[in-house]
Amino acid sequence: MGLFGLTLARIDGQSMEPGLPSGSFALFQKRRRYQKGDTVLVQHPRLGRIVKEVAARTERGFLLKGTSPASPSTATLGLVPGKALLGTKIWAVAPKSEPPHPTSRPRPAIERETKDTFSHEH
């Protein structure tokens, strides 16, 4: 966690597209409360540091979801405790899109991994 409870994360993966395409940078701020619809940075117990949307809040924790069919299901992500939520997105910038090179091959439709990974800048 950085200064003022802020964390900058680079998005690597397709599970939050179209809102947060791979290569985006997002700034997250620690909150006391999170609600349905918040885009959050999570320290997931099995998947590591990921970004997802809060699907629901229960007495025991939070259910999460991605915004793309490429994301693992809510059932796969499971219930995460509130202490696993590291912050809610307060700002993001997407990478500049460039037209594909005429000789480039299309990317496969299936991701190699089912989780998003992040690199942090301090």
Protein backbone atom coordinates (compact mmCIF):
# COMPACT_ATOMS: atom_id res chain seq x y z
CA MET A 1 0.00 0.00 0.00
CA GLY A 2 1.41 3.34 -0.96
CA LEU A 3 1.10 6.89 0.26
CA PHE A 4 -2.43 7.88 1.41
CA GLY A 5 -3.63 4.31 0.92
CA LEU A 6 -3.01 4.52 -2.83
CA THR A 7 -1.79 1.66 -5.04
CA LEU A 8 -0.96 1.89 -8.74
CA ALA A 9 -1.46 -1.34 -10.68
CA ARG A 10 -0.88 -2.33 -14.30
CA ILE A 11 -3.64 -4.50 -15.71
CA ASP A 12 -2.41 -7.63 -17.46
CA GLY A 13 -5.25 -9.77 -18.77
CA GLN A 14 -8.62 -9.54 -20.47
CA SER A 15 -11.01 -10.30 -17.62
CA MET A 16 -11.99 -6.66 -16.99
CA GLU A 17 -12.41 -5.59 -20.61
CA PRO A 18 -13.74 -3.42 -22.11
CA GLY A 19 -13.48 -0.97 -19.18
CA LEU A 20 -9.93 -1.92 -18.17
CA PRO A 21 -8.12 -3.42 -21.16
CA SER A 22 -4.82 -5.22 -20.73
CA GLY A 23 -2.00 -2.68 -20.45
CA SER A 24 -4.13 -0.13 -18.57
CA PHE A 25 -2.92 1.51 -15.39
CA ALA A 26 -5.36 1.96 -12.52
CA LEU A 27 -5.07 3.79 -9.23
CA PHE A 28 -6.80 2.22 -6.22
CA GLN A 29 -7.55 3.79 -2.85
CA LYS A 30 -8.20 1.88 0.37
CA ARG A 31 -11.77 2.36 1.64
CA ARG A 32 -13.59 1.53 4.83
CA ARG A 33 -16.61 0.29 2.88
CA TYR A 34 -17.08 -1.33 -0.49
CA GLN A 35 -20.31 -1.78 -2.37
CA LYS A 36 -21.77 -3.67 -5.31
CA GLY A 37 -20.35 -2.35 -8.58
CA ASP A 38 -17.03 -1.11 -7.15
CA THR A 39 -13.97 -2.10 -9.19
CA VAL A 40 -11.51 -3.34 -6.59
CA LEU A 41 -7.91 -4.48 -6.21
CA VAL A 42 -7.96 -7.77 -4.30
CA GLN A 43 -5.33 -9.96 -2.66
CA HIS A 44 -7.14 -13.19 -3.56
CA PRO A 45 -6.31 -16.17 -1.34
CA ARG A 46 -5.68 -18.49 -4.35
CA LEU A 47 -5.12 -16.24 -7.36
CA GLY A 48 -2.90 -13.53 -5.89
CA ARG A 49 -3.42 -9.87 -6.69
CA ILE A 50 -6.32 -9.38 -9.10
CA VAL A 51 -8.82 -6.70 -10.14
CA LYS A 52 -12.53 -7.55 -10.15
CA GLU A 53 -15.92 -5.95 -9.63
CA VAL A 54 -17.87 -6.43 -6.41
CA ALA A 55 -20.87 -8.58 -7.38
CA ALA A 56 -22.37 -8.81 -3.88
CA ARG A 57 -21.61 -8.25 -0.23
CA THR A 58 -22.56 -10.83 2.38
CA GLU A 59 -22.08 -11.04 6.14
CA ARG A 60 -19.05 -13.29 5.52
CA GLY A 61 -17.33 -11.38 2.71
CA PHE A 62 -17.57 -10.35 -0.92
CA LEU A 63 -18.45 -12.10 -4.16
CA LEU A 64 -16.48 -10.87 -7.16
CA LYS A 65 -16.88 -10.94 -10.93
CA GLY A 66 -15.06 -9.89 -14.05
CA THR A 67 -16.62 -7.77 -16.77
CA SER A 68 -15.57 -10.03 -19.65
CA PRO A 69 -16.40 -13.63 -20.55
CA ALA A 70 -12.63 -14.26 -20.22
CA SER A 71 -12.92 -13.84 -16.43
CA PRO A 72 -13.25 -16.77 -14.06
CA SER A 73 -16.84 -17.13 -12.81
CA THR A 74 -18.05 -15.75 -9.50
CA ALA A 75 -18.32 -19.34 -8.27
CA THR A 76 -14.68 -20.02 -9.21
CA LEU A 77 -13.50 -16.83 -7.50
CA GLY A 78 -15.45 -17.73 -4.37
CA LEU A 79 -16.15 -15.62 -1.32
CA VAL A 80 -13.30 -13.33 -0.26
CA PRO A 81 -12.99 -11.65 3.15
CA GLY A 82 -13.21 -7.86 3.41
CA LYS A 83 -9.57 -7.63 4.47
CA ALA A 84 -8.60 -9.00 1.02
CA LEU A 85 -9.94 -5.85 -0.68
CA LEU A 86 -7.00 -3.46 -1.05
CA GLY A 87 -8.79 -0.52 -2.64
CA THR A 88 -11.36 0.72 -5.11
CA LYS A 89 -10.49 2.17 -8.51
CA ILE A 90 -10.42 5.95 -8.47
CA TRP A 91 -8.61 6.55 -11.78
CA ALA A 92 -7.50 4.58 -14.83
CA VAL A 93 -5.87 5.14 -18.18
CA ALA A 94 -6.00 2.70 -21.09
CA PRO A 95 -3.08 2.08 -23.41
CA LYS A 96 -3.02 3.82 -26.76
CA SER A 97 -4.46 1.45 -29.31
CA GLU A 98 -2.65 1.07 -32.58
CA PRO A 99 -3.89 -0.64 -35.72
CA PRO A 100 -2.50 -4.16 -36.10
CA HIS A 101 0.54 -4.63 -38.28
CA PRO A 102 -0.51 -6.08 -41.67
CA THR A 103 1.66 -9.16 -41.16
CA SER A 104 0.67 -9.82 -37.56
CA ARG A 105 -1.41 -12.85 -36.68
CA PRO A 106 -4.62 -12.47 -34.70
CA ARG A 107 -4.37 -13.26 -30.99
CA PRO A 108 -5.96 -16.50 -29.85
CA ALA A 109 -9.38 -16.10 -28.24
CA ILE A 110 -8.40 -18.15 -25.18
CA GLU A 111 -6.19 -16.67 -22.49
CA ARG A 112 -3.17 -18.64 -21.34
CA GLU A 113 -4.06 -17.99 -17.69
CA THR A 114 -7.35 -17.33 -15.97
CA LYS A 115 -6.07 -14.66 -13.60
CA ASP A 116 -4.85 -11.12 -14.09
CA THR A 117 -1.38 -10.24 -12.88
CA PHE A 118 -0.03 -6.90 -11.82
CA SER A 119 3.23 -5.10 -11.48
CA HIS A 120 3.39 -2.32 -8.94
CA GLU A 121 5.21 0.95 -9.24
CA HIS A 122 6.30 2.62 -6.03
